[in-house]
């Protein structure tokens, strides 16, 4: 078993505590039955209840395991089991947003990786589904349910709702991670700016999705299609955000500037 098997688990599926414990521990051991590469190592934290896959900030996912009554903020919001309030981790009663366990959650809206939520049932963990971070305060995050990525495969005209700011102590803009997954599933590893193909050059399937209109600029929910996203290599993606931080916001203009710079060096 590895992290991919967890992603493929149906909502309501059960996994024994021992099995998940072994997966977390032995995902770090090359050659073990649970080893599937460094990018799939499931990291531990001294505080119980949360693990992250890979290296912060661009994680493969986060595992959140909850027990009834463990923390004062934890629990479902409303009756629909669509939102779950989860307490940020503290050391000696003090919450640090720089703590790795907390950063794994706070970075989720920017990177779009899945948060897998499990609830305790005797000797098992019940998989509640795939979630993302909708809101954040200084003490907790609110996790919102996301549909499984498989629900959107082979639906290239599907649009998605994104944006819809929620104002709390900290502001986090909602991102629908499924549109990003769908784009990557139906696209290639070719960067649309530098034309570098990660899979061809490095032998790995890797590409990043850039929102041409920053989600944080959306004041209300808006339909987002795959055409609103750009597939970029990590270098070009970083360059785009550098130009954005410098004041240039239009993606097409930034793309033209970077392509011009690349061509001048050839």
C-alpha atoms as a PDB file:
ATOM      1  CA  UNK A   1       0.000   0.000   0.000  1.00  0.00           C
ATOM      2  CA  UNK A   2       1.134   3.553  -0.713  1.00  0.00           C
ATOM      3  CA  UNK A   3      -0.296   7.078  -0.794  1.00  0.00           C
ATOM      4  CA  UNK A   4      -1.890   6.496  -4.202  1.00  0.00           C
ATOM      5  CA  UNK A   5      -3.996   3.725  -2.670  1.00  0.00           C
ATOM      6  CA  UNK A   6      -5.275   6.215  -0.092  1.00  0.00           C
ATOM      7  CA  UNK A   7      -6.269   8.611  -2.868  1.00  0.00           C
ATOM      8  CA  UNK A   8      -8.252   5.845  -4.568  1.00  0.00           C
ATOM      9  CA  UNK A   9     -10.173   4.892  -1.439  1.00  0.00           C
ATOM     10  CA  UNK A  10     -13.937   5.550  -1.710  1.00  0.00           C
ATOM     11  CA  UNK A  11     -15.635   7.900   0.743  1.00  0.00           C
ATOM     12  CA  UNK A  12     -16.691   5.890   3.772  1.00  0.00           C
ATOM     13  CA  UNK A  13     -13.958   3.310   3.245  1.00  0.00           C
ATOM     14  CA  UNK A  14     -12.144   1.905   6.273  1.00  0.00           C
ATOM     15  CA  UNK A  15      -8.473   1.418   6.969  1.00  0.00           C
ATOM     16  CA  UNK A  16      -7.172  -0.096  10.190  1.00  0.00           C
ATOM     17  CA  UNK A  17      -5.127   2.123  12.462  1.00  0.00           C
ATOM     18  CA  UNK A  18      -2.300  -0.398  12.297  1.00  0.00           C
ATOM     19  CA  UNK A  19      -2.256  -0.394   8.490  1.00  0.00           C
ATOM     20  CA  UNK A  20      -2.163   3.387   8.281  1.00  0.00           C
ATOM     21  CA  UNK A  21       0.484   3.572  11.013  1.00  0.00           C
ATOM     22  CA  UNK A  22       2.678   1.098   9.116  1.00  0.00           C
ATOM     23  CA  UNK A  23       2.182   3.021   5.864  1.00  0.00           C
ATOM     24  CA  UNK A  24       3.264   6.269   7.502  1.00  0.00           C
ATOM     25  CA  UNK A  25       6.293   4.714   9.192  1.00  0.00           C
ATOM     26  CA  UNK A  26       7.530   2.518   6.341  1.00  0.00           C
ATOM     27  CA  UNK A  27       6.887   5.037   3.557  1.00  0.00           C
ATOM     28  CA  UNK A  28      10.275   6.399   4.695  1.00  0.00           C
ATOM     29  CA  UNK A  29      12.104   3.072   4.307  1.00  0.00           C
ATOM     30  CA  UNK A  30      13.508   2.304   0.837  1.00  0.00           C
ATOM     31  CA  UNK A  31      12.762  -1.240  -0.192  1.00  0.00           C
ATOM     32  CA  UNK A  32       9.823  -1.685   2.162  1.00  0.00           C
ATOM     33  CA  UNK A  33       6.374  -2.704   0.928  1.00  0.00           C
ATOM     34  CA  UNK A  34       5.209   0.881   1.517  1.00  0.00           C
ATOM     35  CA  UNK A  35       8.102   2.674  -0.183  1.00  0.00           C
ATOM     36  CA  UNK A  36       7.205   4.465  -3.443  1.00  0.00           C
ATOM     37  CA  UNK A  37       9.889   7.140  -3.667  1.00  0.00           C
ATOM     38  CA  UNK A  38      11.033  10.200  -1.757  1.00  0.00           C
ATOM     39  CA  UNK A  39       8.156  12.318  -3.061  1.00  0.00           C
ATOM     40  CA  UNK A  40       5.697   9.918  -1.410  1.00  0.00           C
ATOM     41  CA  UNK A  41       7.289   9.882   2.050  1.00  0.00           C
ATOM     42  CA  UNK A  42       4.603  10.559   4.669  1.00  0.00           C
ATOM     43  CA  UNK A  43       6.116  12.870   7.251  1.00  0.00           C
ATOM     44  CA  UNK A  44       5.316  12.878  10.964  1.00  0.00           C
ATOM     45  CA  UNK A  45       4.792  15.661  13.421  1.00  0.00           C
ATOM     46  CA  UNK A  46       5.197  15.530  17.216  1.00  0.00           C
ATOM     47  CA  UNK A  47       1.547  16.541  17.494  1.00  0.00           C
ATOM     48  CA  UNK A  48      -0.872  13.744  16.668  1.00  0.00           C
ATOM     49  CA  UNK A  49      -3.436  13.849  13.913  1.00  0.00           C
ATOM     50  CA  UNK A  50      -1.718  15.283  10.832  1.00  0.00           C
ATOM     51  CA  UNK A  51       0.839  14.057   8.321  1.00  0.00           C
ATOM     52  CA  UNK A  52       2.038  15.509   5.034  1.00  0.00           C
ATOM     53  CA  UNK A  53       3.286  13.795   1.886  1.00  0.00           C
ATOM     54  CA  UNK A  54       6.521  15.057   0.349  1.00  0.00           C
ATOM     55  CA  UNK A  55       8.357  18.267   1.105  1.00  0.00           C
ATOM     56  CA  UNK A  56       6.729  21.585   2.016  1.00  0.00           C
ATOM     57  CA  UNK A  57       5.487  23.689   0.253  1.00  0.00           C
ATOM     58  CA  UNK A  58       4.567  21.659  -2.873  1.00  0.00           C
ATOM     59  CA  UNK A  59       3.152  18.590  -1.152  1.00  0.00           C
ATOM     60  CA  UNK A  60       1.502  15.545  -2.621  1.00  0.00           C
ATOM     61  CA  UNK A  61      -1.208  15.711   0.011  1.00  0.00           C
ATOM     62  CA  UNK A  62      -2.072  15.934   3.697  1.00  0.00           C
ATOM     63  CA  UNK A  63      -3.589  13.316   6.008  1.00  0.00           C
ATOM     64  CA  UNK A  64      -5.810  14.647   8.796  1.00  0.00           C
ATOM     65  CA  UNK A  65      -7.003  12.158  11.429  1.00  0.00           C
ATOM     66  CA  UNK A  66      -9.617  13.395  13.878  1.00  0.00           C
ATOM     67  CA  UNK A  67     -10.976  12.038  17.137  1.00  0.00           C
ATOM     68  CA  UNK A  68     -14.187  13.323  18.672  1.00  0.00           C
ATOM     69  CA  UNK A  69     -13.532  15.785  21.499  1.00  0.00           C
ATOM     70  CA  UNK A  70      -9.751  15.970  21.017  1.00  0.00           C
ATOM     71  CA  UNK A  71      -9.659  19.749  20.436  1.00  0.00           C
ATOM     72  CA  UNK A  72     -12.223  22.417  21.262  1.00  0.00           C
ATOM     73  CA  UNK A  73     -12.582  23.728  17.712  1.00  0.00           C
ATOM     74  CA  UNK A  74     -12.741  20.370  15.940  1.00  0.00           C
ATOM     75  CA  UNK A  75     -16.033  19.230  14.473  1.00  0.00           C
ATOM     76  CA  UNK A  76     -18.430  19.321  11.540  1.00  0.00           C
ATOM     77  CA  UNK A  77     -19.935  22.686  10.630  1.00  0.00           C
ATOM     78  CA  UNK A  78     -23.666  22.271  10.022  1.00  0.00           C
ATOM     79  CA  UNK A  79     -25.493  19.048   9.265  1.00  0.00           C
ATOM     80  CA  UNK A  80     -24.252  18.288   5.749  1.00  0.00           C
ATOM     81  CA  UNK A  81     -20.755  17.011   6.566  1.00  0.00           C
ATOM     82  CA  UNK A  82     -19.412  19.303   3.866  1.00  0.00           C
ATOM     83  CA  UNK A  83     -17.303  21.501   6.163  1.00  0.00           C
ATOM     84  CA  UNK A  84     -15.012  20.439   8.987  1.00  0.00           C
ATOM     85  CA  UNK A  85     -13.381  22.810  11.463  1.00  0.00           C
ATOM     86  CA  UNK A  86      -9.885  21.616  12.376  1.00  0.00           C
ATOM     87  CA  UNK A  87      -7.644  23.095  15.052  1.00  0.00           C
ATOM     88  CA  UNK A  88      -4.159  24.296  14.166  1.00  0.00           C
ATOM     89  CA  UNK A  89      -1.396  22.562  16.071  1.00  0.00           C
ATOM     90  CA  UNK A  90       0.234  24.152  19.113  1.00  0.00           C
ATOM     91  CA  UNK A  91       3.363  23.555  21.159  1.00  0.00           C
ATOM     92  CA  UNK A  92       2.873  24.130  24.890  1.00  0.00           C
ATOM     93  CA  UNK A  93      -0.361  25.930  24.110  1.00  0.00           C
ATOM     94  CA  UNK A  94       1.176  28.332  21.594  1.00  0.00           C
ATOM     95  CA  UNK A  95       0.167  28.179  17.906  1.00  0.00           C
ATOM     96  CA  UNK A  96       2.870  29.024  15.391  1.00  0.00           C
ATOM     97  CA  UNK A  97       1.816  29.429  11.770  1.00  0.00           C
ATOM     98  CA  UNK A  98       5.415  28.555  10.838  1.00  0.00           C
ATOM     99  CA  UNK A  99       5.007  25.070  12.325  1.00  0.00           C
ATOM    100  CA  UNK A 100       5.298  22.510   9.526  1.00  0.00           C
ATOM    101  CA  UNK A 101       2.020  20.823  10.420  1.00  0.00           C
ATOM    102  CA  UNK A 102       0.231  24.167  10.172  1.00  0.00           C
ATOM    103  CA  UNK A 103       2.066  25.241   7.008  1.00  0.00           C
ATOM    104  CA  UNK A 104       0.936  22.019   5.351  1.00  0.00           C
ATOM    105  CA  UNK A 105      -2.646  23.242   5.757  1.00  0.00           C
ATOM    106  CA  UNK A 106      -2.098  26.975   5.191  1.00  0.00           C
ATOM    107  CA  UNK A 107      -0.264  26.391   1.896  1.00  0.00           C
ATOM    108  CA  UNK A 108      -3.005  24.145   0.501  1.00  0.00           C
ATOM    109  CA  UNK A 109      -5.041  26.883  -1.272  1.00  0.00           C
ATOM    110  CA  UNK A 110      -1.944  27.997  -3.197  1.00  0.00           C
ATOM    111  CA  UNK A 111      -0.788  24.529  -4.264  1.00  0.00           C
ATOM    112  CA  UNK A 112      -4.086  22.680  -4.562  1.00  0.00           C
ATOM    113  CA  UNK A 113      -3.000  19.349  -3.095  1.00  0.00           C
ATOM    114  CA  UNK A 114      -5.671  17.138  -1.497  1.00  0.00           C
ATOM    115  CA  UNK A 115      -6.402  16.982   2.224  1.00  0.00           C
ATOM    116  CA  UNK A 116      -7.574  13.469   3.121  1.00  0.00           C
ATOM    117  CA  UNK A 117      -9.817  13.534   6.184  1.00  0.00           C
ATOM    118  CA  UNK A 118     -10.245  10.493   8.449  1.00  0.00           C
ATOM    119  CA  UNK A 119     -12.447  10.066  11.508  1.00  0.00           C
ATOM    120  CA  UNK A 120     -11.869   7.525  14.274  1.00  0.00           C
ATOM    121  CA  UNK A 121     -14.059   4.466  14.677  1.00  0.00           C
ATOM    122  CA  UNK A 122     -12.694   2.062  17.278  1.00  0.00           C
ATOM    123  CA  UNK A 123      -9.663   0.343  15.688  1.00  0.00           C
ATOM    124  CA  UNK A 124     -10.198   1.838  12.252  1.00  0.00           C
ATOM    125  CA  UNK A 125     -10.039   5.157  10.436  1.00  0.00           C
ATOM    126  CA  UNK A 126     -13.036   6.073   8.260  1.00  0.00           C
ATOM    127  CA  UNK A 127     -12.161   7.995   5.105  1.00  0.00           C
ATOM    128  CA  UNK A 128     -14.456  11.021   5.052  1.00  0.00           C
ATOM    129  CA  UNK A 129     -13.275  12.243   1.645  1.00  0.00           C
ATOM    130  CA  UNK A 130     -11.006  14.753  -0.089  1.00  0.00           C
ATOM    131  CA  UNK A 131     -11.044  18.276   1.335  1.00  0.00           C
ATOM    132  CA  UNK A 132      -9.353  21.640   0.822  1.00  0.00           C
ATOM    133  CA  UNK A 133      -8.852  24.691   3.045  1.00  0.00           C
ATOM    134  CA  UNK A 134     -11.732  27.175   2.692  1.00  0.00           C
ATOM    135  CA  UNK A 135     -11.060  29.438   5.664  1.00  0.00           C
ATOM    136  CA  UNK A 136      -8.327  30.118   8.170  1.00  0.00           C
ATOM    137  CA  UNK A 137      -8.236  31.871  11.521  1.00  0.00           C
ATOM    138  CA  UNK A 138      -5.453  32.140  14.042  1.00  0.00           C
ATOM    139  CA  UNK A 139      -6.660  28.974  15.785  1.00  0.00           C
ATOM    140  CA  UNK A 140      -8.249  26.706  13.184  1.00  0.00           C
ATOM    141  CA  UNK A 141      -8.961  26.082   9.511  1.00  0.00           C
ATOM    142  CA  UNK A 142     -12.258  25.154   7.897  1.00  0.00           C
ATOM    143  CA  UNK A 143     -11.914  22.253   5.482  1.00  0.00           C
ATOM    144  CA  UNK A 144     -14.386  22.078   2.595  1.00  0.00           C
ATOM    145  CA  UNK A 145     -15.274  18.912   0.740  1.00  0.00           C
ATOM    146  CA  UNK A 146     -13.905  18.450  -2.769  1.00  0.00           C
ATOM    147  CA  UNK A 147     -15.266  15.965  -5.293  1.00  0.00           C
ATOM    148  CA  UNK A 148     -12.973  13.073  -6.304  1.00  0.00           C
ATOM    149  CA  UNK A 149     -10.802  13.949  -9.289  1.00  0.00           C
ATOM    150  CA  UNK A 150     -12.128  10.900 -11.157  1.00  0.00           C
ATOM    151  CA  UNK A 151     -15.566  12.533 -11.314  1.00  0.00           C
ATOM    152  CA  UNK A 152     -14.196  15.121 -13.747  1.00  0.00           C
ATOM    153  CA  UNK A 153     -12.019  12.996 -16.026  1.00  0.00           C
ATOM    154  CA  UNK A 154     -13.099  13.003 -19.702  1.00  0.00           C
ATOM    155  CA  UNK A 155     -15.200  16.139 -19.211  1.00  0.00           C
ATOM    156  CA  UNK A 156     -13.023  18.748 -20.966  1.00  0.00           C
ATOM    157  CA  UNK A 157     -15.823  21.326 -21.197  1.00  0.00           C
ATOM    158  CA  UNK A 158     -16.597  21.168 -17.490  1.00  0.00           C
ATOM    159  CA  UNK A 159     -16.415  24.518 -15.713  1.00  0.00           C
ATOM    160  CA  UNK A 160     -15.814  25.062 -12.016  1.00  0.00           C
ATOM    161  CA  UNK A 161     -16.681  27.667  -9.418  1.00  0.00           C
ATOM    162  CA  UNK A 162     -13.766  29.479  -7.851  1.00  0.00           C
ATOM    163  CA  UNK A 163     -13.276  32.619  -5.858  1.00  0.00           C
ATOM    164  CA  UNK A 164     -15.836  33.691  -3.286  1.00  0.00           C
ATOM    165  CA  UNK A 165     -13.764  35.361  -0.596  1.00  0.00           C
ATOM    166  CA  UNK A 166     -14.475  34.510   3.016  1.00  0.00           C
ATOM    167  CA  UNK A 167     -13.287  37.143   5.449  1.00  0.00           C
ATOM    168  CA  UNK A 168     -11.957  35.847   8.740  1.00  0.00           C
ATOM    169  CA  UNK A 169      -8.805  36.602  10.721  1.00  0.00           C
ATOM    170  CA  UNK A 170      -6.759  35.528   7.720  1.00  0.00           C
ATOM    171  CA  UNK A 171      -8.132  35.639   4.171  1.00  0.00           C
ATOM    172  CA  UNK A 172      -7.914  32.548   2.030  1.00  0.00           C
ATOM    173  CA  UNK A 173      -9.406  32.471  -1.465  1.00  0.00           C
ATOM    174  CA  UNK A 174     -11.172  29.260  -2.395  1.00  0.00           C
ATOM    175  CA  UNK A 175      -9.587  27.178  -5.125  1.00  0.00           C
ATOM    176  CA  UNK A 176     -11.316  24.278  -6.804  1.00  0.00           C
ATOM    177  CA  UNK A 177      -8.489  21.749  -6.965  1.00  0.00           C
ATOM    178  CA  UNK A 178     -10.375  19.525  -9.379  1.00  0.00           C
ATOM    179  CA  UNK A 179     -10.016  21.900 -12.335  1.00  0.00           C
ATOM    180  CA  UNK A 180      -6.252  21.836 -11.814  1.00  0.00           C
ATOM    181  CA  UNK A 181      -6.211  18.039 -11.630  1.00  0.00           C
ATOM    182  CA  UNK A 182      -8.338  17.778 -14.757  1.00  0.00           C
ATOM    183  CA  UNK A 183      -6.064  20.087 -16.728  1.00  0.00           C
ATOM    184  CA  UNK A 184      -3.007  18.085 -15.733  1.00  0.00           C
ATOM    185  CA  UNK A 185      -4.745  14.794 -16.462  1.00  0.00           C
ATOM    186  CA  UNK A 186      -5.707  15.879 -19.972  1.00  0.00           C
ATOM    187  CA  UNK A 187      -2.591  17.882 -20.768  1.00  0.00           C
ATOM    188  CA  UNK A 188       1.099  17.152 -21.151  1.00  0.00           C
ATOM    189  CA  UNK A 189       4.213  18.090 -19.230  1.00  0.00           C
ATOM    190  CA  UNK A 190       5.059  20.782 -21.788  1.00  0.00           C
ATOM    191  CA  UNK A 191       5.546  24.321 -20.457  1.00  0.00           C
ATOM    192  CA  UNK A 192       3.600  26.753 -22.638  1.00  0.00           C
ATOM    193  CA  UNK A 193       6.216  29.488 -22.174  1.00  0.00           C
ATOM    194  CA  UNK A 194       9.637  27.866 -22.578  1.00  0.00           C
ATOM    195  CA  UNK A 195       8.329  24.719 -24.332  1.00  0.00           C
ATOM    196  CA  UNK A 196      10.411  22.525 -22.009  1.00  0.00           C
ATOM    197  CA  UNK A 197       8.929  19.054 -21.543  1.00  0.00           C
ATOM    198  CA  UNK A 198       9.623  17.830 -17.997  1.00  0.00           C
ATOM    199  CA  UNK A 199       8.753  14.228 -18.791  1.00  0.00           C
ATOM    200  CA  UNK A 200      11.007  14.135 -21.841  1.00  0.00           C
ATOM    201  CA  UNK A 201      13.925  15.890 -20.149  1.00  0.00           C
ATOM    202  CA  UNK A 202      13.805  14.430 -16.640  1.00  0.00           C
ATOM    203  CA  UNK A 203      11.758  11.262 -17.072  1.00  0.00           C
ATOM    204  CA  UNK A 204       9.080  12.328 -14.579  1.00  0.00           C
ATOM    205  CA  UNK A 205       5.525  13.539 -15.039  1.00  0.00           C
ATOM    206  CA  UNK A 206       5.510  16.992 -13.502  1.00  0.00           C
ATOM    207  CA  UNK A 207       3.911  20.294 -14.436  1.00  0.00           C
ATOM    208  CA  UNK A 208       2.375  23.223 -12.564  1.00  0.00           C
ATOM    209  CA  UNK A 209      -0.935  24.983 -13.228  1.00  0.00           C
ATOM    210  CA  UNK A 210      -1.067  28.787 -13.125  1.00  0.00           C
ATOM    211  CA  UNK A 211      -4.309  30.742 -12.757  1.00  0.00           C
ATOM    212  CA  UNK A 212      -4.202  33.423 -15.460  1.00  0.00           C
ATOM    213  CA  UNK A 213      -6.551  35.525 -13.327  1.00  0.00           C
ATOM    214  CA  UNK A 214      -5.388  35.226  -9.710  1.00  0.00           C
ATOM    215  CA  UNK A 215      -8.097  33.564  -7.636  1.00  0.00           C
ATOM    216  CA  UNK A 216      -7.562  36.172  -4.923  1.00  0.00           C
ATOM    217  CA  UNK A 217      -8.832  38.820  -7.391  1.00  0.00           C
ATOM    218  CA  UNK A 218     -12.216  37.116  -7.694  1.00  0.00           C
ATOM    219  CA  UNK A 219     -14.649  38.928  -5.407  1.00  0.00           C
ATOM    220  CA  UNK A 220     -17.405  36.371  -5.989  1.00  0.00           C
ATOM    221  CA  UNK A 221     -17.738  32.874  -7.368  1.00  0.00           C
ATOM    222  CA  UNK A 222     -16.888  32.658 -11.054  1.00  0.00           C
ATOM    223  CA  UNK A 223     -16.919  29.793 -13.536  1.00  0.00           C
ATOM    224  CA  UNK A 224     -13.372  28.736 -14.358  1.00  0.00           C
ATOM    225  CA  UNK A 225     -12.527  26.468 -17.287  1.00  0.00           C
ATOM    226  CA  UNK A 226      -9.284  24.788 -18.295  1.00  0.00           C
ATOM    227  CA  UNK A 227      -8.655  27.650 -20.728  1.00  0.00           C
ATOM    228  CA  UNK A 228      -8.282  29.942 -17.694  1.00  0.00           C
ATOM    229  CA  UNK A 229      -5.210  28.002 -16.558  1.00  0.00           C
ATOM    230  CA  UNK A 230      -1.706  27.702 -17.989  1.00  0.00           C
ATOM    231  CA  UNK A 231       0.590  24.692 -17.670  1.00  0.00           C
ATOM    232  CA  UNK A 232       4.054  25.918 -16.705  1.00  0.00           C
ATOM    233  CA  UNK A 233       7.377  24.493 -15.595  1.00  0.00           C
ATOM    234  CA  UNK A 234       8.477  25.512 -12.108  1.00  0.00           C
ATOM    235  CA  UNK A 235      11.035  28.031 -13.446  1.00  0.00           C
ATOM    236  CA  UNK A 236       8.563  29.869 -15.692  1.00  0.00           C
ATOM    237  CA  UNK A 237       5.877  29.706 -12.996  1.00  0.00           C
ATOM    238  CA  UNK A 238       8.235  31.342 -10.508  1.00  0.00           C
ATOM    239  CA  UNK A 239       9.190  33.969 -13.101  1.00  0.00           C
ATOM    240  CA  UNK A 240       5.509  34.771 -13.751  1.00  0.00           C
ATOM    241  CA  UNK A 241       4.884  35.332 -10.059  1.00  0.00           C
ATOM    242  CA  UNK A 242       8.012  37.471  -9.788  1.00  0.00           C
ATOM    243  CA  UNK A 243       6.647  39.765 -12.496  1.00  0.00           C
ATOM    244  CA  UNK A 244       3.277  39.801 -10.729  1.00  0.00           C
ATOM    245  CA  UNK A 245       4.915  40.848  -7.480  1.00  0.00           C
ATOM    246  CA  UNK A 246       6.637  43.596  -9.466  1.00  0.00           C
ATOM    247  CA  UNK A 247       3.276  44.999 -10.553  1.00  0.00           C
ATOM    248  CA  UNK A 248       2.647  43.374 -13.941  1.00  0.00           C
ATOM    249  CA  UNK A 249      -0.617  41.448 -13.643  1.00  0.00           C
ATOM    250  CA  UNK A 250      -1.718  40.490 -17.157  1.00  0.00           C
ATOM    251  CA  UNK A 251      -0.617  36.918 -17.847  1.00  0.00           C
ATOM    252  CA  UNK A 252      -0.353  37.293 -21.628  1.00  0.00           C
ATOM    253  CA  UNK A 253       1.879  40.350 -21.216  1.00  0.00           C
ATOM    254  CA  UNK A 254       4.088  38.537 -18.728  1.00  0.00           C
ATOM    255  CA  UNK A 255       4.277  35.519 -21.042  1.00  0.00           C
ATOM    256  CA  UNK A 256       5.392  37.731 -23.931  1.00  0.00           C
ATOM    257  CA  UNK A 257       8.065  39.391 -21.784  1.00  0.00           C
ATOM    258  CA  UNK A 258       9.503  36.049 -20.637  1.00  0.00           C
ATOM    259  CA  UNK A 259       9.458  34.557 -24.143  1.00  0.00           C
ATOM    260  CA  UNK A 260      11.232  37.679 -25.411  1.00  0.00           C
ATOM    261  CA  UNK A 261      13.888  37.317 -22.718  1.00  0.00           C
ATOM    262  CA  UNK A 262      14.401  33.637 -23.549  1.00  0.00           C
ATOM    263  CA  UNK A 263      14.680  34.313 -27.279  1.00  0.00           C
ATOM    264  CA  UNK A 264      17.245  37.068 -26.723  1.00  0.00           C
ATOM    265  CA  UNK A 265      19.570  34.506 -25.139  1.00  0.00           C
ATOM    266  CA  UNK A 266      19.423  32.058 -28.063  1.00  0.00           C
END
